């Protein structure tokens, strides 16, 4: 019985913490421009990413979908190698339905296939200059 009470307290505590965290995350996604992007918006973002990633560091590629008014920009900040592959720190700016988002992500080249010409998000922290 003594072991059961702490387990119940732990379960109740985790549930109390998880519910607001889940609500925050859902609200965050609802207020993200990406939540409002159409398929065409995503295609245009991918094309801008492909162009920017194959361009020079510091050169910004902008995109705007005149049908939705959604848009953004992609700016490679610096290039480097990781694990023998070309990688880049890339700044993304997106806008839709009055919401904006900015982030810096690491992208590495993994072949030539895919919507961004083989460039993939790694999930790793990008290297600074």
N, C-alpha and C. Protein backbone atom coordinates (compact mmCIF):
# COMPACT_ATOMS: atom_id res chain seq x y z
N UNK A 1 0.81 -1.19 0.00
CA UNK A 1 0.00 0.00 0.00
C UNK A 1 0.85 1.26 0.00
N UNK A 2 1.98 1.24 0.72
CA UNK A 2 2.84 2.42 0.77
C UNK A 2 3.41 2.76 -0.60
N UNK A 3 3.70 1.76 -1.40
CA UNK A 3 4.23 2.02 -2.73
C UNK A 3 3.15 2.55 -3.67
N UNK A 4 1.95 2.20 -3.44
CA UNK A 4 0.86 2.60 -4.32
C UNK A 4 0.55 4.09 -4.18
N UNK A 5 0.61 4.64 -2.99
CA UNK A 5 0.30 6.05 -2.78
C UNK A 5 1.28 6.94 -3.53
N UNK A 6 2.61 6.74 -3.41
CA UNK A 6 3.51 7.58 -4.19
C UNK A 6 3.28 7.44 -5.70
N UNK A 7 2.96 6.26 -6.17
CA UNK A 7 2.69 6.06 -7.59
C UNK A 7 1.46 6.86 -8.02
N UNK A 8 0.43 6.86 -7.17
CA UNK A 8 -0.78 7.63 -7.49
C UNK A 8 -0.49 9.13 -7.47
N UNK A 9 0.32 9.57 -6.50
CA UNK A 9 0.69 10.98 -6.42
C UNK A 9 1.51 11.37 -7.66
N UNK A 10 2.46 10.53 -8.03
CA UNK A 10 3.28 10.80 -9.20
C UNK A 10 2.41 10.87 -10.46
N UNK A 11 1.49 9.92 -10.62
CA UNK A 11 0.61 9.91 -11.78
C UNK A 11 -0.24 11.18 -11.83
N UNK A 12 -0.80 11.57 -10.70
CA UNK A 12 -1.62 12.78 -10.65
C UNK A 12 -0.80 14.01 -10.96
N UNK A 13 0.42 14.07 -10.44
CA UNK A 13 1.30 15.22 -10.69
C UNK A 13 1.67 15.31 -12.16
N UNK A 14 2.07 14.19 -12.76
CA UNK A 14 2.44 14.20 -14.17
C UNK A 14 1.24 14.56 -15.05
N UNK A 15 0.06 14.09 -14.70
CA UNK A 15 -1.14 14.43 -15.46
C UNK A 15 -1.42 15.92 -15.36
N UNK A 16 -1.25 16.48 -14.16
CA UNK A 16 -1.50 17.91 -13.97
C UNK A 16 -0.50 18.76 -14.76
N UNK A 17 0.71 18.28 -14.88
CA UNK A 17 1.74 19.02 -15.64
C UNK A 17 1.53 18.82 -17.13
N UNK A 18 1.22 17.60 -17.55
CA UNK A 18 1.13 17.28 -18.97
C UNK A 18 -0.04 17.98 -19.65
N UNK A 19 -1.16 18.12 -18.97
CA UNK A 19 -2.34 18.74 -19.60
C UNK A 19 -2.05 20.18 -20.01
N UNK A 20 -1.54 21.05 -19.11
CA UNK A 20 -1.22 22.40 -19.56
C UNK A 20 -0.13 22.45 -20.62
N UNK A 21 0.88 21.57 -20.50
CA UNK A 21 1.96 21.54 -21.50
C UNK A 21 1.39 21.17 -22.86
N UNK A 22 0.49 20.20 -22.89
CA UNK A 22 -0.14 19.79 -24.13
C UNK A 22 -0.97 20.93 -24.71
N UNK A 23 -1.72 21.62 -23.85
CA UNK A 23 -2.53 22.75 -24.31
C UNK A 23 -1.63 23.86 -24.85
N UNK A 24 -0.51 24.13 -24.17
CA UNK A 24 0.42 25.15 -24.64
C UNK A 24 0.96 24.78 -26.01
N UNK A 25 1.38 23.52 -26.18
CA UNK A 25 1.96 23.08 -27.44
C UNK A 25 0.93 23.19 -28.56
N UNK A 26 -0.31 22.76 -28.30
CA UNK A 26 -1.38 22.84 -29.29
C UNK A 26 -1.66 24.29 -29.64
N UNK A 27 -1.70 25.18 -28.63
CA UNK A 27 -1.92 26.60 -28.89
C UNK A 27 -0.76 27.18 -29.68
N UNK A 28 0.46 26.77 -29.36
CA UNK A 28 1.64 27.23 -30.10
C UNK A 28 1.52 26.86 -31.58
N UNK A 29 1.14 25.61 -31.86
CA UNK A 29 1.00 25.18 -33.24
C UNK A 29 -0.13 25.91 -33.94
N UNK A 30 -1.22 26.16 -33.23
CA UNK A 30 -2.35 26.89 -33.81
C UNK A 30 -1.97 28.31 -34.19
N UNK A 31 -0.99 28.88 -33.50
CA UNK A 31 -0.55 30.25 -33.77
C UNK A 31 0.70 30.30 -34.65
N UNK A 32 1.09 29.17 -35.18
CA UNK A 32 2.24 29.11 -36.06
C UNK A 32 1.78 29.35 -37.49
N UNK A 33 2.52 30.14 -38.26
CA UNK A 33 2.14 30.33 -39.66
C UNK A 33 2.00 29.01 -40.42
N UNK A 34 2.85 28.03 -40.09
CA UNK A 34 2.82 26.75 -40.79
C UNK A 34 1.46 26.07 -40.67
N UNK A 35 0.74 26.32 -39.59
CA UNK A 35 -0.58 25.71 -39.41
C UNK A 35 -1.57 26.21 -40.44
N UNK A 36 -1.30 27.36 -41.04
CA UNK A 36 -2.21 27.97 -42.01
C UNK A 36 -1.74 27.83 -43.46
N UNK A 37 -0.56 27.25 -43.66
CA UNK A 37 -0.04 27.11 -45.00
C UNK A 37 -0.86 26.12 -45.82
N UNK A 38 -1.10 26.49 -47.07
CA UNK A 38 -1.74 25.59 -48.02
C UNK A 38 -0.67 24.72 -48.66
N UNK A 39 -1.11 23.74 -49.44
CA UNK A 39 -0.14 22.91 -50.15
C UNK A 39 0.74 23.76 -51.06
N UNK A 40 0.13 24.75 -51.72
CA UNK A 40 0.89 25.64 -52.61
C UNK A 40 1.90 26.46 -51.81
N UNK A 41 1.51 26.94 -50.61
CA UNK A 41 2.44 27.67 -49.75
C UNK A 41 3.66 26.80 -49.45
N UNK A 42 3.41 25.54 -49.09
CA UNK A 42 4.51 24.62 -48.76
C UNK A 42 5.42 24.38 -49.97
N UNK A 43 4.80 24.25 -51.15
CA UNK A 43 5.60 24.07 -52.36
C UNK A 43 6.50 25.28 -52.59
N UNK A 44 5.94 26.47 -52.38
CA UNK A 44 6.72 27.70 -52.59
C UNK A 44 7.83 27.83 -51.55
N UNK A 45 7.54 27.46 -50.30
CA UNK A 45 8.56 27.48 -49.25
C UNK A 45 9.67 26.50 -49.58
N UNK A 46 9.32 25.31 -50.05
CA UNK A 46 10.33 24.32 -50.43
C UNK A 46 11.19 24.82 -51.58
N UNK A 47 10.56 25.46 -52.57
CA UNK A 47 11.32 25.99 -53.72
C UNK A 47 12.26 27.10 -53.25
N UNK A 48 11.79 27.98 -52.37
CA UNK A 48 12.66 29.04 -51.84
C UNK A 48 13.81 28.43 -51.05
N UNK A 49 13.52 27.39 -50.28
CA UNK A 49 14.57 26.71 -49.51
C UNK A 49 15.61 26.12 -50.44
N UNK A 50 15.15 25.43 -51.48
CA UNK A 50 16.06 24.81 -52.45
C UNK A 50 16.96 25.87 -53.09
N UNK A 51 16.36 26.98 -53.52
CA UNK A 51 17.14 28.05 -54.16
C UNK A 51 18.15 28.65 -53.18
N UNK A 52 17.70 28.95 -51.97
CA UNK A 52 18.58 29.57 -50.97
C UNK A 52 19.72 28.63 -50.58
N UNK A 53 19.40 27.36 -50.36
CA UNK A 53 20.41 26.40 -49.93
C UNK A 53 21.46 26.13 -51.00
N UNK A 54 21.11 26.38 -52.24
CA UNK A 54 22.07 26.21 -53.33
C UNK A 54 22.73 27.55 -53.70
N UNK A 55 22.47 28.59 -52.90
CA UNK A 55 23.04 29.91 -53.15
C UNK A 55 24.12 30.25 -52.14
N UNK A 56 24.43 31.53 -52.07
CA UNK A 56 25.52 32.02 -51.22
C UNK A 56 25.06 32.29 -49.80
N UNK A 57 25.98 32.16 -48.85
CA UNK A 57 25.70 32.54 -47.46
C UNK A 57 25.30 34.01 -47.43
N UNK A 58 24.28 34.32 -46.66
CA UNK A 58 23.82 35.70 -46.50
C UNK A 58 22.83 36.17 -47.54
N UNK A 59 22.62 35.39 -48.61
CA UNK A 59 21.68 35.78 -49.67
C UNK A 59 20.28 35.29 -49.31
N UNK A 60 19.36 36.22 -49.13
CA UNK A 60 17.99 35.89 -48.73
C UNK A 60 17.12 35.62 -49.95
N UNK A 61 16.37 34.54 -49.90
CA UNK A 61 15.38 34.20 -50.92
C UNK A 61 14.00 34.38 -50.31
N UNK A 62 13.21 35.26 -50.90
CA UNK A 62 11.86 35.52 -50.39
C UNK A 62 10.82 34.82 -51.25
N UNK A 63 9.68 34.52 -50.65
CA UNK A 63 8.57 33.93 -51.41
C UNK A 63 7.26 34.51 -50.89
N UNK A 64 6.29 34.65 -51.78
CA UNK A 64 4.95 35.12 -51.42
C UNK A 64 3.94 34.43 -52.32
N UNK A 65 2.91 33.89 -51.71
CA UNK A 65 1.82 33.30 -52.46
C UNK A 65 0.74 34.37 -52.60
N UNK A 66 0.56 34.90 -53.82
CA UNK A 66 -0.41 35.98 -54.03
C UNK A 66 -1.85 35.52 -53.79
N UNK A 67 -2.10 34.22 -53.86
CA UNK A 67 -3.46 33.70 -53.62
C UNK A 67 -3.82 33.73 -52.14
N UNK A 68 -2.85 33.51 -51.25
CA UNK A 68 -3.14 33.45 -49.81
C UNK A 68 -2.59 34.64 -49.04
N UNK A 69 -1.61 35.33 -49.61
CA UNK A 69 -0.93 36.41 -48.89
C UNK A 69 0.12 35.89 -47.93
N UNK A 70 0.31 34.59 -47.87
CA UNK A 70 1.31 33.99 -46.99
C UNK A 70 2.68 34.09 -47.65
N UNK A 71 3.73 34.14 -46.84
CA UNK A 71 5.06 34.23 -47.40
C UNK A 71 6.14 34.11 -46.36
N UNK A 72 7.34 34.39 -46.80
CA UNK A 72 8.46 34.31 -45.87
C UNK A 72 9.78 34.47 -46.59
N UNK A 73 10.84 34.09 -45.88
CA UNK A 73 12.17 34.18 -46.45
C UNK A 73 13.06 33.08 -45.88
N UNK A 74 14.10 32.78 -46.65
CA UNK A 74 15.07 31.76 -46.26
C UNK A 74 16.46 32.36 -46.49
N UNK A 75 17.29 32.34 -45.43
CA UNK A 75 18.63 32.92 -45.53
C UNK A 75 19.67 31.95 -44.97
N UNK A 76 20.53 31.38 -45.83
CA UNK A 76 21.65 30.58 -45.32
C UNK A 76 22.64 31.52 -44.61
N UNK A 77 22.99 31.19 -43.39
CA UNK A 77 23.87 32.06 -42.61
C UNK A 77 25.33 31.67 -42.74
N UNK A 78 25.60 30.37 -42.71
CA UNK A 78 26.97 29.90 -42.88
C UNK A 78 26.97 28.44 -43.31
N UNK A 79 28.05 28.06 -43.96
CA UNK A 79 28.21 26.70 -44.50
C UNK A 79 29.34 26.00 -43.77
N UNK A 80 29.20 24.69 -43.62
CA UNK A 80 30.23 23.88 -42.97
C UNK A 80 29.99 22.42 -43.31
N UNK A 81 30.85 21.56 -42.84
CA UNK A 81 30.72 20.13 -43.06
C UNK A 81 30.46 19.43 -41.74
N UNK A 82 29.59 18.44 -41.76
CA UNK A 82 29.33 17.62 -40.58
C UNK A 82 29.21 16.17 -41.07
N UNK A 83 30.05 15.31 -40.53
CA UNK A 83 30.00 13.91 -40.94
C UNK A 83 30.26 13.70 -42.42
N UNK A 84 31.07 14.57 -43.00
CA UNK A 84 31.41 14.44 -44.41
C UNK A 84 30.35 14.98 -45.35
N UNK A 85 29.30 15.58 -44.81
CA UNK A 85 28.24 16.14 -45.66
C UNK A 85 28.23 17.65 -45.57
N UNK A 86 27.88 18.33 -46.66
CA UNK A 86 27.73 19.78 -46.59
C UNK A 86 26.50 20.14 -45.77
N UNK A 87 26.67 21.10 -44.86
CA UNK A 87 25.58 21.54 -44.00
C UNK A 87 25.54 23.06 -43.97
N UNK A 88 24.40 23.59 -43.56
CA UNK A 88 24.24 25.05 -43.47
C UNK A 88 23.35 25.40 -42.30
N UNK A 89 23.69 26.49 -41.63
CA UNK A 89 22.78 27.11 -40.66
C UNK A 89 21.87 28.02 -41.48
N UNK A 90 20.56 27.86 -41.33
CA UNK A 90 19.61 28.57 -42.17
C UNK A 90 18.55 29.26 -41.31
N UNK A 91 18.33 30.54 -41.60
CA UNK A 91 17.29 31.30 -40.90
C UNK A 91 16.02 31.28 -41.73
N UNK A 92 14.93 30.87 -41.10
CA UNK A 92 13.61 30.87 -41.74
C UNK A 92 12.74 31.93 -41.09
N UNK A 93 12.02 32.67 -41.92
CA UNK A 93 11.00 33.62 -41.46
C UNK A 93 9.73 33.30 -42.25
N UNK A 94 8.62 33.08 -41.53
CA UNK A 94 7.35 32.76 -42.18
C UNK A 94 6.25 33.64 -41.63
N UNK A 95 5.26 33.95 -42.49
CA UNK A 95 4.11 34.77 -42.11
C UNK A 95 2.84 34.19 -42.72
N UNK A 96 1.78 34.14 -41.90
CA UNK A 96 0.46 33.72 -42.39
C UNK A 96 -0.60 34.10 -41.37
N UNK A 97 -1.69 34.65 -41.87
CA UNK A 97 -2.86 34.97 -41.04
C UNK A 97 -2.52 35.84 -39.84
N UNK A 98 -1.56 36.74 -40.00
CA UNK A 98 -1.17 37.65 -38.93
C UNK A 98 -0.16 37.08 -37.95
N UNK A 99 0.26 35.84 -38.15
CA UNK A 99 1.24 35.21 -37.28
C UNK A 99 2.59 35.18 -37.99
N UNK A 100 3.67 35.31 -37.22
CA UNK A 100 5.02 35.21 -37.77
C UNK A 100 5.83 34.23 -36.94
N UNK A 101 6.82 33.64 -37.57
CA UNK A 101 7.76 32.79 -36.85
C UNK A 101 9.13 32.95 -37.46
N UNK A 102 10.14 32.84 -36.61
CA UNK A 102 11.53 32.91 -37.03
C UNK A 102 12.29 31.79 -36.34
N UNK A 103 13.21 31.20 -37.04
CA UNK A 103 14.03 30.16 -36.43
C UNK A 103 15.28 29.92 -37.25
N UNK A 104 16.30 29.42 -36.58
CA UNK A 104 17.55 29.05 -37.25
C UNK A 104 17.72 27.55 -37.08
N UNK A 105 17.90 26.87 -38.21
CA UNK A 105 17.94 25.41 -38.23
C UNK A 105 19.16 24.93 -39.00
N UNK A 106 19.59 23.69 -38.69
CA UNK A 106 20.66 23.08 -39.46
C UNK A 106 20.04 22.23 -40.56
N UNK A 107 20.56 22.42 -41.77
CA UNK A 107 20.17 21.63 -42.93
C UNK A 107 21.43 20.99 -43.49
N UNK A 108 21.34 19.71 -43.84
CA UNK A 108 22.48 19.02 -44.45
C UNK A 108 22.02 18.35 -45.73
N UNK A 109 22.93 18.27 -46.67
CA UNK A 109 22.65 17.66 -47.97
C UNK A 109 22.73 16.15 -47.83
N UNK A 110 21.68 15.47 -48.28
CA UNK A 110 21.62 14.01 -48.21
C UNK A 110 21.10 13.50 -49.55
N UNK A 111 21.92 13.63 -50.59
CA UNK A 111 21.50 13.22 -51.93
C UNK A 111 20.88 14.38 -52.68
N UNK A 112 20.09 14.04 -53.69
CA UNK A 112 19.46 15.07 -54.53
C UNK A 112 17.94 14.96 -54.55
N UNK A 113 17.38 13.98 -53.86
CA UNK A 113 15.94 13.73 -53.91
C UNK A 113 15.19 14.53 -52.84
N UNK A 114 13.91 14.69 -53.04
CA UNK A 114 13.05 15.33 -52.06
C UNK A 114 12.65 16.74 -52.49
N UNK A 115 11.70 17.32 -51.75
CA UNK A 115 11.15 18.62 -52.13
C UNK A 115 12.15 19.77 -52.03
N UNK A 116 13.24 19.58 -51.28
CA UNK A 116 14.25 20.64 -51.16
C UNK A 116 15.55 20.23 -51.83
N UNK A 117 15.46 19.33 -52.81
CA UNK A 117 16.65 18.94 -53.57
C UNK A 117 17.68 18.20 -52.76
N UNK A 118 17.25 17.42 -51.80
CA UNK A 118 18.17 16.62 -50.99
C UNK A 118 18.59 17.26 -49.68
N UNK A 119 18.26 18.53 -49.47
CA UNK A 119 18.56 19.18 -48.19
C UNK A 119 17.53 18.74 -47.17
N UNK A 120 18.01 18.39 -45.97
CA UNK A 120 17.14 17.87 -44.91
C UNK A 120 17.42 18.58 -43.59
N UNK A 121 16.36 18.78 -42.81
CA UNK A 121 16.52 19.27 -41.44
C UNK A 121 17.16 18.16 -40.63
N UNK A 122 18.18 18.50 -39.85
CA UNK A 122 18.85 17.47 -39.05
C UNK A 122 18.30 17.37 -37.63
N UNK A 123 17.74 18.45 -37.13
CA UNK A 123 17.32 18.48 -35.73
C UNK A 123 18.46 18.83 -34.79
N UNK A 124 19.67 18.95 -35.34
CA UNK A 124 20.83 19.34 -34.54
C UNK A 124 20.93 20.85 -34.48
N UNK A 125 21.62 21.33 -33.47
CA UNK A 125 21.88 22.77 -33.35
C UNK A 125 22.90 23.15 -34.42
N UNK A 126 22.58 24.19 -35.20
CA UNK A 126 23.53 24.60 -36.23
C UNK A 126 24.81 25.17 -35.64
N UNK A 127 25.89 25.01 -36.35
CA UNK A 127 27.16 25.60 -35.93
C UNK A 127 27.12 27.09 -36.18
N UNK A 128 27.72 27.83 -35.29
CA UNK A 128 27.83 29.28 -35.52
C UNK A 128 29.09 29.52 -36.34
N UNK A 129 29.23 30.71 -36.79
CA UNK A 129 30.35 31.05 -37.67
C UNK A 129 31.67 30.80 -37.05
